[in-house]
C-alpha atoms as a PDB file:
ATOM      1  CA  MET A   1       0.000   0.000   0.000  1.00  0.00           C
ATOM      2  CA  PHE A   2       2.745   2.472   0.879  1.00  0.00           C
ATOM      3  CA  SER A   3       4.552   1.715  -2.366  1.00  0.00           C
ATOM      4  CA  VAL A   4       1.662   3.463  -4.142  1.00  0.00           C
ATOM      5  CA  VAL A   5       1.577   6.367  -1.678  1.00  0.00           C
ATOM      6  CA  GLU A   6       5.212   7.364  -2.253  1.00  0.00           C
ATOM      7  CA  PRO A   7       4.986   8.346  -5.947  1.00  0.00           C
ATOM      8  CA  VAL A   8       1.599   9.985  -5.377  1.00  0.00           C
ATOM      9  CA  LEU A   9       3.052  12.176  -2.627  1.00  0.00           C
ATOM     10  CA  LEU A  10       6.153  13.033  -4.633  1.00  0.00           C
ATOM     11  CA  LEU A  11       4.307  13.854  -7.839  1.00  0.00           C
ATOM     12  CA  SER A  12       1.569  15.831  -6.148  1.00  0.00           C
ATOM     13  CA  GLY A  13       4.151  17.758  -4.106  1.00  0.00           C
ATOM     14  CA  LEU A  14       6.136  18.583  -7.210  1.00  0.00           C
ATOM     15  CA  GLY A  15       2.963  19.605  -8.988  1.00  0.00           C
ATOM     16  CA  MET A  16       1.962  21.916  -6.146  1.00  0.00           C
ATOM     17  CA  VAL A  17       5.352  23.636  -6.049  1.00  0.00           C
ATOM     18  CA  LEU A  18       5.373  24.051  -9.821  1.00  0.00           C
ATOM     19  CA  PHE A  19       1.818  25.414  -9.672  1.00  0.00           C
ATOM     20  CA  ALA A  20       2.910  28.059  -7.146  1.00  0.00           C
ATOM     21  CA  TYR A  21       5.835  29.092  -9.357  1.00  0.00           C
ATOM     22  CA  PHE A  22       3.617  29.148 -12.441  1.00  0.00           C
ATOM     23  CA  GLN A  23       1.148  31.410 -10.647  1.00  0.00           C
ATOM     24  CA  TYR A  24       4.000  33.727  -9.619  1.00  0.00           C
ATOM     25  CA  ALA A  25       5.399  33.860 -13.165  1.00  0.00           C
ATOM     26  CA  ARG A  26       1.972  34.558 -14.606  1.00  0.00           C
ATOM     27  CA  ARG A  27       1.316  37.331 -12.075  1.00  0.00           C
ATOM     28  CA  THR A  28       4.696  39.105 -12.295  1.00  0.00           C
ATOM     29  CA  ARG A  29       6.023  38.079 -15.731  1.00  0.00           C
ATOM     30  CA  ASP A  30       9.374  37.521 -13.973  1.00  0.00           C
ATOM     31  CA  PHE A  31      10.421  34.164 -15.384  1.00  0.00           C
ATOM     32  CA  ARG A  32      14.071  34.683 -14.468  1.00  0.00           C
ATOM     33  CA  ALA A  33      13.227  34.645 -10.749  1.00  0.00           C
ATOM     34  CA  VAL A  34      11.449  31.304 -11.168  1.00  0.00           C
ATOM     35  CA  VAL A  35      14.466  29.764 -12.869  1.00  0.00           C
ATOM     36  CA  ARG A  36      16.814  31.179 -10.206  1.00  0.00           C
ATOM     37  CA  PHE A  37      14.567  30.441  -7.201  1.00  0.00           C
ATOM     38  CA  TRP A  38      17.533  29.877  -4.857  1.00  0.00           C
ATOM     39  CA  GLU A  39      18.409  33.595  -4.969  1.00  0.00           C
ATOM     40  CA  ARG A  40      15.319  34.467  -2.905  1.00  0.00           C
ATOM     41  CA  ARG A  41      14.000  36.952  -5.472  1.00  0.00           C
ATOM     42  CA  LEU A  42      10.514  35.472  -5.410  1.00  0.00           C
ATOM     43  CA  ALA A  43       7.944  37.674  -3.695  1.00  0.00           C
ATOM     44  CA  LEU A  44       5.162  35.129  -3.485  1.00  0.00           C
ATOM     45  CA  SER A  45       1.618  36.147  -2.664  1.00  0.00           C
ATOM     46  CA  ARG A  46      -0.141  34.527   0.279  1.00  0.00           C
ATOM     47  CA  GLY A  47      -1.830  31.933  -1.927  1.00  0.00           C
ATOM     48  CA  GLU A  48       1.354  31.136  -3.862  1.00  0.00           C
ATOM     49  CA  HIS A  49       3.244  30.758  -0.602  1.00  0.00           C
ATOM     50  CA  ALA A  50       0.605  28.358   0.737  1.00  0.00           C
ATOM     51  CA  TRP A  51       0.813  26.205  -2.412  1.00  0.00           C
ATOM     52  CA  GLN A  52       4.614  26.175  -2.230  1.00  0.00           C
ATOM     53  CA  ARG A  53       4.704  25.171   1.445  1.00  0.00           C
ATOM     54  CA  ALA A  54       2.039  22.506   0.996  1.00  0.00           C
ATOM     55  CA  GLY A  55       4.011  21.084  -1.926  1.00  0.00           C
ATOM     56  CA  ILE A  56       7.218  21.007   0.096  1.00  0.00           C
ATOM     57  CA  VAL A  57       5.430  19.175   2.917  1.00  0.00           C
ATOM     58  CA  MET A  58       4.083  16.619   0.417  1.00  0.00           C
ATOM     59  CA  LEU A  59       7.590  16.114  -1.002  1.00  0.00           C
ATOM     60  CA  LEU A  60       9.020  15.586   2.468  1.00  0.00           C
ATOM     61  CA  LEU A  61       6.272  13.094   3.328  1.00  0.00           C
ATOM     62  CA  GLY A  62       7.062  11.210   0.124  1.00  0.00           C
ATOM     63  CA  ILE A  63      10.724  11.035   1.118  1.00  0.00           C
ATOM     64  CA  VAL A  64       9.824   9.801   4.610  1.00  0.00           C
ATOM     65  CA  VAL A  65       7.601   7.090   3.139  1.00  0.00           C
ATOM     66  CA  ARG A  66      10.465   6.058   0.853  1.00  0.00           C
ATOM     67  CA  TYR A  67      12.858   5.710   3.796  1.00  0.00           C
ATOM     68  CA  VAL A  68      10.291   3.704   5.742  1.00  0.00           C
ATOM     69  CA  LEU A  69       9.868   1.365   2.779  1.00  0.00           C
ATOM     70  CA  VAL A  70      13.615   0.974   2.252  1.00  0.00           C
ATOM     71  CA  LEU A  71      14.254   0.294   5.923  1.00  0.00           C
ATOM     72  CA  GLY A  72      11.418  -2.236   6.009  1.00  0.00           C
ATOM     73  CA  LEU A  73       9.676  -0.654   8.970  1.00  0.00           C
ATOM     74  CA  ILE A  74       6.306  -1.386   7.404  1.00  0.00           C
END
């Protein structure tokens, strides 16, 4: 069961983060900031920030599930 949950969490998390960045790029027309996201130039709106954080949480949960599966804890 958890082997199905892992890719779902990872893909949905990635999709949520990309959705937040797409919304930002559409709102500001600043595509360079999206490509260079590590420079902290993104001024995300409240909704974009919520999508980004939710996506990061989903990605982290997917990684945790992967470690649990690899370690054989379940």
